[in-house]
C-alpha atoms as a PDB file:
ATOM      1  CA  MET A   1      -2.136   6.826  -7.495  1.00  0.00           C
ATOM      2  CA  ALA A   2      -2.353   7.697  -3.850  1.00  0.00           C
ATOM      3  CA  PHE A   3      -0.067   6.053  -1.326  1.00  0.00           C
ATOM      4  CA  VAL A   4      -1.519   4.031   1.531  1.00  0.00           C
ATOM      5  CA  GLU A   5      -0.142   4.560   5.023  1.00  0.00           C
ATOM      6  CA  LEU A   6       0.448   1.272   6.857  1.00  0.00           C
ATOM      7  CA  THR A   7       2.339   0.248   9.986  1.00  0.00           C
ATOM      8  CA  ASP A   8       5.085  -2.366   9.686  1.00  0.00           C
ATOM      9  CA  THR A   9       5.881  -4.932  12.335  1.00  0.00           C
ATOM     10  CA  THR A  10       8.473  -2.662  14.003  1.00  0.00           C
ATOM     11  CA  GLY A  11       5.801   0.028  14.543  1.00  0.00           C
ATOM     12  CA  ALA A  12       7.186   2.313  11.815  1.00  0.00           C
ATOM     13  CA  THR A  13       4.861   3.993   9.336  1.00  0.00           C
ATOM     14  CA  VAL A  14       5.368   3.012   5.711  1.00  0.00           C
ATOM     15  CA  LEU A  15       3.796   4.444   2.590  1.00  0.00           C
ATOM     16  CA  VAL A  16       2.859   1.826  -0.023  1.00  0.00           C
ATOM     17  CA  ASN A  17       1.967   2.476  -3.638  1.00  0.00           C
ATOM     18  CA  PRO A  18      -0.882   0.010  -4.397  1.00  0.00           C
ATOM     19  CA  ALA A  19       0.323  -0.377  -7.998  1.00  0.00           C
ATOM     20  CA  ALA A  20       3.552  -2.017  -6.728  1.00  0.00           C
ATOM     21  CA  VAL A  21       1.785  -4.739  -4.688  1.00  0.00           C
ATOM     22  CA  LEU A  22       1.975  -8.068  -6.435  1.00  0.00           C
ATOM     23  CA  PHE A  23       0.108 -10.158  -3.849  1.00  0.00           C
ATOM     24  CA  LEU A  24      -0.710 -10.449  -0.133  1.00  0.00           C
ATOM     25  CA  ARG A  25      -0.054 -13.409   2.139  1.00  0.00           C
ATOM     26  CA  ASP A  26      -1.434 -14.079   5.619  1.00  0.00           C
ATOM     27  CA  ALA A  27       1.264 -14.273   8.320  1.00  0.00           C
ATOM     28  CA  GLU A  28       1.128 -15.193  11.990  1.00  0.00           C
ATOM     29  CA  ASP A  29      -0.026 -12.799  14.770  1.00  0.00           C
ATOM     30  CA  GLY A  30      -2.590 -11.013  12.597  1.00  0.00           C
ATOM     31  CA  GLU A  31       0.055  -9.647  10.242  1.00  0.00           C
ATOM     32  CA  THR A  32       0.173  -9.572   6.444  1.00  0.00           C
ATOM     33  CA  GLU A  33       3.075  -9.983   4.037  1.00  0.00           C
ATOM     34  CA  LEU A  34       3.023  -7.577   1.066  1.00  0.00           C
ATOM     35  CA  HIS A  35       5.028  -8.840  -1.862  1.00  0.00           C
ATOM     36  CA  LEU A  36       6.122  -5.796  -3.845  1.00  0.00           C
ATOM     37  CA  GLY A  37       7.562  -5.607  -7.335  1.00  0.00           C
ATOM     38  CA  GLY A  38      11.332  -5.013  -7.230  1.00  0.00           C
ATOM     39  CA  ARG A  39      11.680  -5.983  -3.550  1.00  0.00           C
ATOM     40  CA  PRO A  40      13.260  -9.422  -2.835  1.00  0.00           C
ATOM     41  CA  ALA A  41      11.760  -9.826   0.654  1.00  0.00           C
ATOM     42  CA  PRO A  42       8.118  -9.221   1.598  1.00  0.00           C
ATOM     43  CA  LEU A  43       7.133  -6.220   3.706  1.00  0.00           C
ATOM     44  CA  ARG A  44       5.310  -7.321   6.886  1.00  0.00           C
ATOM     45  CA  VAL A  45       2.607  -5.004   8.099  1.00  0.00           C
ATOM     46  CA  SER A  46       0.120  -5.072  10.944  1.00  0.00           C
ATOM     47  CA  GLY A  47      -3.409  -6.032   9.960  1.00  0.00           C
ATOM     48  CA  LYS A  48      -5.358  -8.857   8.367  1.00  0.00           C
ATOM     49  CA  PRO A  49      -5.072  -9.379   4.597  1.00  0.00           C
ATOM     50  CA  ALA A  50      -8.708  -8.426   4.026  1.00  0.00           C
ATOM     51  CA  ASP A  51      -8.227  -5.080   5.795  1.00  0.00           C
ATOM     52  CA  ILE A  52      -4.985  -4.382   3.944  1.00  0.00           C
ATOM     53  CA  ALA A  53      -6.584  -5.288   0.602  1.00  0.00           C
ATOM     54  CA  ARG A  54      -9.530  -2.974   1.302  1.00  0.00           C
ATOM     55  CA  ALA A  55      -7.185  -0.083   2.114  1.00  0.00           C
ATOM     56  CA  LEU A  56      -5.218  -0.665  -1.079  1.00  0.00           C
ATOM     57  CA  GLU A  57      -8.419  -0.902  -3.189  1.00  0.00           C
ATOM     58  CA  ASN A  58      -9.773   2.335  -1.682  1.00  0.00           C
ATOM     59  CA  ALA A  59      -6.672   4.284  -2.704  1.00  0.00           C
ATOM     60  CA  ALA A  60      -8.038   6.374  -5.493  1.00  0.00           C
ATOM     61  CA  PRO A  61      -5.994   8.460  -7.912  1.00  0.00           C
ATOM     62  CA  ALA A  62      -5.868  12.119  -6.967  1.00  0.00           C
ATOM     63  CA  PRO A  63      -7.792  14.345  -9.405  1.00  0.00           C
ATOM     64  CA  ALA A  64      -5.695  16.399 -11.740  1.00  0.00           C
ATOM     65  CA  ASP A  65      -5.052  20.007 -10.823  1.00  0.00           C
ATOM     66  CA  PRO A  66      -6.978  22.133 -13.370  1.00  0.00           C
ATOM     67  CA  THR A  67      -4.401  24.912 -13.035  1.00  0.00           C
ATOM     68  CA  LEU A  68      -1.663  22.639 -14.362  1.00  0.00           C
ATOM     69  CA  SER A  69      -3.722  21.700 -17.424  1.00  0.00           C
ATOM     70  CA  LEU A  70      -4.149  25.403 -18.259  1.00  0.00           C
ATOM     71  CA  LEU A  71      -0.402  25.876 -18.136  1.00  0.00           C
ATOM     72  CA  ALA A  72       0.252  22.929 -20.438  1.00  0.00           C
END
């Protein structure tokens, strides 16, 4: 699964694995809380929940490298 690059509320770039996201919650100031498996506190990122959800849904698995399958 590909990682999605998002910006947290401090302005730092974070990479999120969409498979780890349990649910999204709308927060104030146009931000979204991402509740991740294994993390006690939500991650707050910039953007509306619909935009964040679309970015997570569009993260497609990378195709397998055919060279590696020949070596296996």
